Amino acid sequence: MRALVQRVTQASVAVDGKPTGEIGQGLLVLVCAMQGDTDKQSEWLARKVASLRIFRDDDGRMNRSLLDVGGAALVVSQFTLAAETKGNRPGFSTAAAPDEGKRLYEHFSAQLAGHGVTVANGIFGADMKVSLVNDGPITIWLDTESR
């Protein structure tokens, strides 16, 4: 699985002009299941996101996790993270099939919540409008293949 994690002061997602998820301080997590991914990758990624130390401590150093600061996560499905960009038109053939992608996306969200993180979600497969205020900016790429 792949995730693009952004530390935010606020983030929201809407479908057809209606909000489906909103958070204050925390992480916007754009997530994509790849072909061959299993629950194991989803669980590893959820643990990693929950414990990633990218929030400032009292000395201003990135030393606190989402759990340490009591932040929330806005999890949004993003199959385009599977983009193959050899040419000028991206291909997405390495993304998981939609049914499996949705299952793993939902499993990831549930696992993240199971670690004690408040989770808000977009709607899988929908045309979403995502708004955020990136804090830092801090943006981290995670890929279970490179762990």
C-alpha atoms as a PDB file:
ATOM      1  CA  MET A   1       0.000   0.000   0.000  1.00  0.00           C
ATOM      2  CA  ARG A   2       1.015   3.557  -0.540  1.00  0.00           C
ATOM      3  CA  ALA A   3       0.194   6.653   1.448  1.00  0.00           C
ATOM      4  CA  LEU A   4       0.951  10.321   1.189  1.00  0.00           C
ATOM      5  CA  VAL A   5       0.777  11.768   4.695  1.00  0.00           C
ATOM      6  CA  GLN A   6       0.452  15.495   5.294  1.00  0.00           C
ATOM      7  CA  ARG A   7       0.608  17.145   8.711  1.00  0.00           C
ATOM      8  CA  VAL A   8      -2.301  19.597   8.834  1.00  0.00           C
ATOM      9  CA  THR A   9      -3.882  22.160  11.104  1.00  0.00           C
ATOM     10  CA  GLN A  10      -7.203  21.327   9.415  1.00  0.00           C
ATOM     11  CA  ALA A  11      -8.490  19.268   6.505  1.00  0.00           C
ATOM     12  CA  SER A  12     -11.848  18.368   5.000  1.00  0.00           C
ATOM     13  CA  VAL A  13     -13.322  16.391   2.136  1.00  0.00           C
ATOM     14  CA  ALA A  14     -16.623  16.929   0.334  1.00  0.00           C
ATOM     15  CA  VAL A  15     -18.606  15.022  -2.275  1.00  0.00           C
ATOM     16  CA  ASP A  16     -21.168  16.902  -4.373  1.00  0.00           C
ATOM     17  CA  GLY A  17     -20.650  19.942  -2.152  1.00  0.00           C
ATOM     18  CA  LYS A  18     -21.499  18.008   1.023  1.00  0.00           C
ATOM     19  CA  PRO A  19     -18.820  17.441   3.691  1.00  0.00           C
ATOM     20  CA  THR A  20     -18.053  13.771   4.352  1.00  0.00           C
ATOM     21  CA  GLY A  21     -15.104  14.202   6.707  1.00  0.00           C
ATOM     22  CA  GLU A  22     -13.349  16.974   8.580  1.00  0.00           C
ATOM     23  CA  ILE A  23     -10.534  17.211  11.119  1.00  0.00           C
ATOM     24  CA  GLY A  24      -8.559  19.832  12.998  1.00  0.00           C
ATOM     25  CA  GLN A  25      -4.920  19.174  13.905  1.00  0.00           C
ATOM     26  CA  GLY A  26      -3.699  15.860  12.600  1.00  0.00           C
ATOM     27  CA  LEU A  27      -2.884  14.067   9.378  1.00  0.00           C
ATOM     28  CA  LEU A  28      -4.429  13.981   5.941  1.00  0.00           C
ATOM     29  CA  VAL A  29      -3.688  10.482   4.656  1.00  0.00           C
ATOM     30  CA  LEU A  30      -4.134   9.826   0.937  1.00  0.00           C
ATOM     31  CA  VAL A  31      -4.034   6.040   0.598  1.00  0.00           C
ATOM     32  CA  CYS A  32      -3.864   3.578  -2.307  1.00  0.00           C
ATOM     33  CA  ALA A  33      -4.001  -0.214  -2.278  1.00  0.00           C
ATOM     34  CA  MET A  34      -1.755  -1.860  -4.849  1.00  0.00           C
ATOM     35  CA  GLN A  35      -2.204  -5.200  -6.616  1.00  0.00           C
ATOM     36  CA  GLY A  36      -1.165  -8.017  -4.298  1.00  0.00           C
ATOM     37  CA  ASP A  37      -1.600  -6.001  -1.095  1.00  0.00           C
ATOM     38  CA  THR A  38      -3.097  -7.831   1.862  1.00  0.00           C
ATOM     39  CA  ASP A  39      -4.424  -7.017   5.310  1.00  0.00           C
ATOM     40  CA  LYS A  40      -0.826  -7.327   6.553  1.00  0.00           C
ATOM     41  CA  GLN A  41       0.296  -4.295   4.504  1.00  0.00           C
ATOM     42  CA  SER A  42      -2.768  -2.340   5.587  1.00  0.00           C
ATOM     43  CA  GLU A  43      -2.082  -3.099   9.253  1.00  0.00           C
ATOM     44  CA  TRP A  44       1.606  -2.163   8.974  1.00  0.00           C
ATOM     45  CA  LEU A  45       0.692   1.121   7.294  1.00  0.00           C
ATOM     46  CA  ALA A  46      -1.879   1.969   9.984  1.00  0.00           C
ATOM     47  CA  ARG A  47       0.698   1.330  12.739  1.00  0.00           C
ATOM     48  CA  LYS A  48       3.243   3.452  10.901  1.00  0.00           C
ATOM     49  CA  VAL A  49       0.855   6.385  10.407  1.00  0.00           C
ATOM     50  CA  ALA A  50      -0.309   6.286  14.047  1.00  0.00           C
ATOM     51  CA  SER A  51       3.254   6.275  15.386  1.00  0.00           C
ATOM     52  CA  LEU A  52       5.050   8.489  12.838  1.00  0.00           C
ATOM     53  CA  ARG A  53       6.802  11.164  14.928  1.00  0.00           C
ATOM     54  CA  ILE A  54       6.248  14.305  12.857  1.00  0.00           C
ATOM     55  CA  PHE A  55       4.642  16.654  15.394  1.00  0.00           C
ATOM     56  CA  ARG A  56       6.664  19.175  17.389  1.00  0.00           C
ATOM     57  CA  ASP A  57       7.654  18.552  20.986  1.00  0.00           C
ATOM     58  CA  ASP A  58       8.222  21.323  23.568  1.00  0.00           C
ATOM     59  CA  ASP A  59      11.642  22.011  22.021  1.00  0.00           C
ATOM     60  CA  GLY A  60      10.182  22.421  18.531  1.00  0.00           C
ATOM     61  CA  ARG A  61      11.613  19.112  17.261  1.00  0.00           C
ATOM     62  CA  MET A  62       9.539  16.589  15.308  1.00  0.00           C
ATOM     63  CA  ASN A  63       9.335  14.046  18.090  1.00  0.00           C
ATOM     64  CA  ARG A  64       5.633  13.406  18.757  1.00  0.00           C
ATOM     65  CA  SER A  65       3.201  11.085  17.032  1.00  0.00           C
ATOM     66  CA  LEU A  66      -0.429  11.572  16.099  1.00  0.00           C
ATOM     67  CA  LEU A  67      -1.315   9.628  19.239  1.00  0.00           C
ATOM     68  CA  ASP A  68       0.955  11.804  21.406  1.00  0.00           C
ATOM     69  CA  VAL A  69      -0.741  15.035  20.294  1.00  0.00           C
ATOM     70  CA  GLY A  70      -4.299  13.635  20.269  1.00  0.00           C
ATOM     71  CA  GLY A  71      -4.690  14.489  16.594  1.00  0.00           C
ATOM     72  CA  ALA A  72      -7.120  12.995  14.109  1.00  0.00           C
ATOM     73  CA  ALA A  73      -6.682  11.488  10.650  1.00  0.00           C
ATOM     74  CA  LEU A  74      -8.643  12.269   7.513  1.00  0.00           C
ATOM     75  CA  VAL A  75      -8.264   9.188   5.294  1.00  0.00           C
ATOM     76  CA  VAL A  76      -8.994   9.652   1.589  1.00  0.00           C
ATOM     77  CA  SER A  77      -8.738   6.971  -1.099  1.00  0.00           C
ATOM     78  CA  GLN A  78      -6.344   8.015  -3.864  1.00  0.00           C
ATOM     79  CA  PHE A  79      -5.805   5.391  -6.573  1.00  0.00           C
ATOM     80  CA  THR A  80      -3.637   7.835  -8.523  1.00  0.00           C
ATOM     81  CA  LEU A  81      -0.795   7.141  -6.067  1.00  0.00           C
ATOM     82  CA  ALA A  82      -0.323   4.012  -8.207  1.00  0.00           C
ATOM     83  CA  ALA A  83       0.503   6.165 -11.254  1.00  0.00           C
ATOM     84  CA  GLU A  84       3.073   4.825 -13.664  1.00  0.00           C
ATOM     85  CA  THR A  85       4.544   7.861 -15.393  1.00  0.00           C
ATOM     86  CA  LYS A  86       6.918   6.371 -17.954  1.00  0.00           C
ATOM     87  CA  GLY A  87       5.161   8.359 -20.687  1.00  0.00           C
ATOM     88  CA  ASN A  88       3.122  11.533 -20.489  1.00  0.00           C
ATOM     89  CA  ARG A  89      -0.188   9.824 -19.782  1.00  0.00           C
ATOM     90  CA  PRO A  90      -0.199   8.092 -16.379  1.00  0.00           C
ATOM     91  CA  GLY A  91      -1.265   4.461 -16.125  1.00  0.00           C
ATOM     92  CA  PHE A  92      -2.854   2.948 -13.045  1.00  0.00           C
ATOM     93  CA  SER A  93      -2.706  -0.780 -13.800  1.00  0.00           C
ATOM     94  CA  THR A  94      -0.727  -1.516 -10.615  1.00  0.00           C
ATOM     95  CA  ALA A  95      -3.548  -0.270  -8.368  1.00  0.00           C
ATOM     96  CA  ALA A  96      -5.681  -2.918  -6.693  1.00  0.00           C
ATOM     97  CA  ALA A  97      -9.010  -3.773  -8.331  1.00  0.00           C
ATOM     98  CA  PRO A  98     -11.775  -1.476  -7.035  1.00  0.00           C
ATOM     99  CA  ASP A  99     -13.471  -4.052  -4.763  1.00  0.00           C
ATOM    100  CA  GLU A 100     -10.167  -5.069  -3.159  1.00  0.00           C
ATOM    101  CA  GLY A 101      -8.981  -1.469  -2.997  1.00  0.00           C
ATOM    102  CA  LYS A 102     -12.118  -0.448  -1.141  1.00  0.00           C
ATOM    103  CA  ARG A 103     -11.821  -3.360   1.266  1.00  0.00           C
ATOM    104  CA  LEU A 104      -8.182  -2.542   2.073  1.00  0.00           C
ATOM    105  CA  TYR A 105      -8.958   1.197   2.363  1.00  0.00           C
ATOM    106  CA  GLU A 106     -11.709   0.440   4.880  1.00  0.00           C
ATOM    107  CA  HIS A 107      -9.461  -2.040   6.701  1.00  0.00           C
ATOM    108  CA  PHE A 108      -6.723   0.595   6.939  1.00  0.00           C
ATOM    109  CA  SER A 109      -9.170   3.137   8.403  1.00  0.00           C
ATOM    110  CA  ALA A 110     -10.473   0.608  10.927  1.00  0.00           C
ATOM    111  CA  GLN A 111      -6.944  -0.403  11.938  1.00  0.00           C
ATOM    112  CA  LEU A 112      -5.945   3.244  12.396  1.00  0.00           C
ATOM    113  CA  ALA A 113      -9.002   3.805  14.580  1.00  0.00           C
ATOM    114  CA  GLY A 114      -8.074   0.644  16.482  1.00  0.00           C
ATOM    115  CA  HIS A 115      -4.816   2.336  17.483  1.00  0.00           C
ATOM    116  CA  GLY A 116      -6.843   5.048  19.204  1.00  0.00           C
ATOM    117  CA  VAL A 117      -6.851   7.619  16.379  1.00  0.00           C
ATOM    118  CA  THR A 118     -10.030   9.535  15.586  1.00  0.00           C
ATOM    119  CA  VAL A 119     -10.636   8.856  11.887  1.00  0.00           C
ATOM    120  CA  ALA A 120     -12.734  10.742   9.339  1.00  0.00           C
ATOM    121  CA  ASN A 121     -13.108   9.489   5.770  1.00  0.00           C
ATOM    122  CA  GLY A 122     -13.837  10.429   2.221  1.00  0.00           C
ATOM    123  CA  ILE A 123     -16.003   8.178   0.055  1.00  0.00           C
ATOM    124  CA  PHE A 124     -14.152   5.497  -1.862  1.00  0.00           C
ATOM    125  CA  GLY A 125     -14.315   5.999  -5.616  1.00  0.00           C
ATOM    126  CA  ALA A 126     -16.150   9.329  -5.419  1.00  0.00           C
ATOM    127  CA  ASP A 127     -15.103  12.572  -7.066  1.00  0.00           C
ATOM    128  CA  MET A 128     -13.932  14.370  -3.926  1.00  0.00           C
ATOM    129  CA  LYS A 129     -12.840  17.899  -3.162  1.00  0.00           C
ATOM    130  CA  VAL A 130     -10.132  17.928  -0.503  1.00  0.00           C
ATOM    131  CA  SER A 131      -9.152  21.072   1.387  1.00  0.00           C
ATOM    132  CA  LEU A 132      -6.245  21.323   3.769  1.00  0.00           C
ATOM    133  CA  VAL A 133      -3.883  23.621   5.567  1.00  0.00           C
ATOM    134  CA  ASN A 134      -0.525  21.833   5.424  1.00  0.00           C
ATOM    135  CA  ASP A 135       1.397  22.499   8.644  1.00  0.00           C
ATOM    136  CA  GLY A 136       5.109  22.971   8.096  1.00  0.00           C
ATOM    137  CA  PRO A 137       4.674  21.998   5.310  1.00  0.00           C
ATOM    138  CA  ILE A 138       5.307  18.395   6.253  1.00  0.00           C
ATOM    139  CA  THR A 139       4.538  15.759   3.610  1.00  0.00           C
ATOM    140  CA  ILE A 140       5.781  12.152   3.909  1.00  0.00           C
ATOM    141  CA  TRP A 141       5.601   9.324   1.327  1.00  0.00           C
ATOM    142  CA  LEU A 142       5.064   5.809   2.726  1.00  0.00           C
ATOM    143  CA  ASP A 143       5.142   2.598   0.718  1.00  0.00           C
ATOM    144  CA  THR A 144       4.837  -0.857   2.261  1.00  0.00           C
ATOM    145  CA  GLU A 145       7.136  -2.181  -0.475  1.00  0.00           C
ATOM    146  CA  SER A 146      10.036  -0.138   0.918  1.00  0.00           C
ATOM    147  CA  ARG A 147       9.657  -1.028   4.588  1.00  0.00           C
END
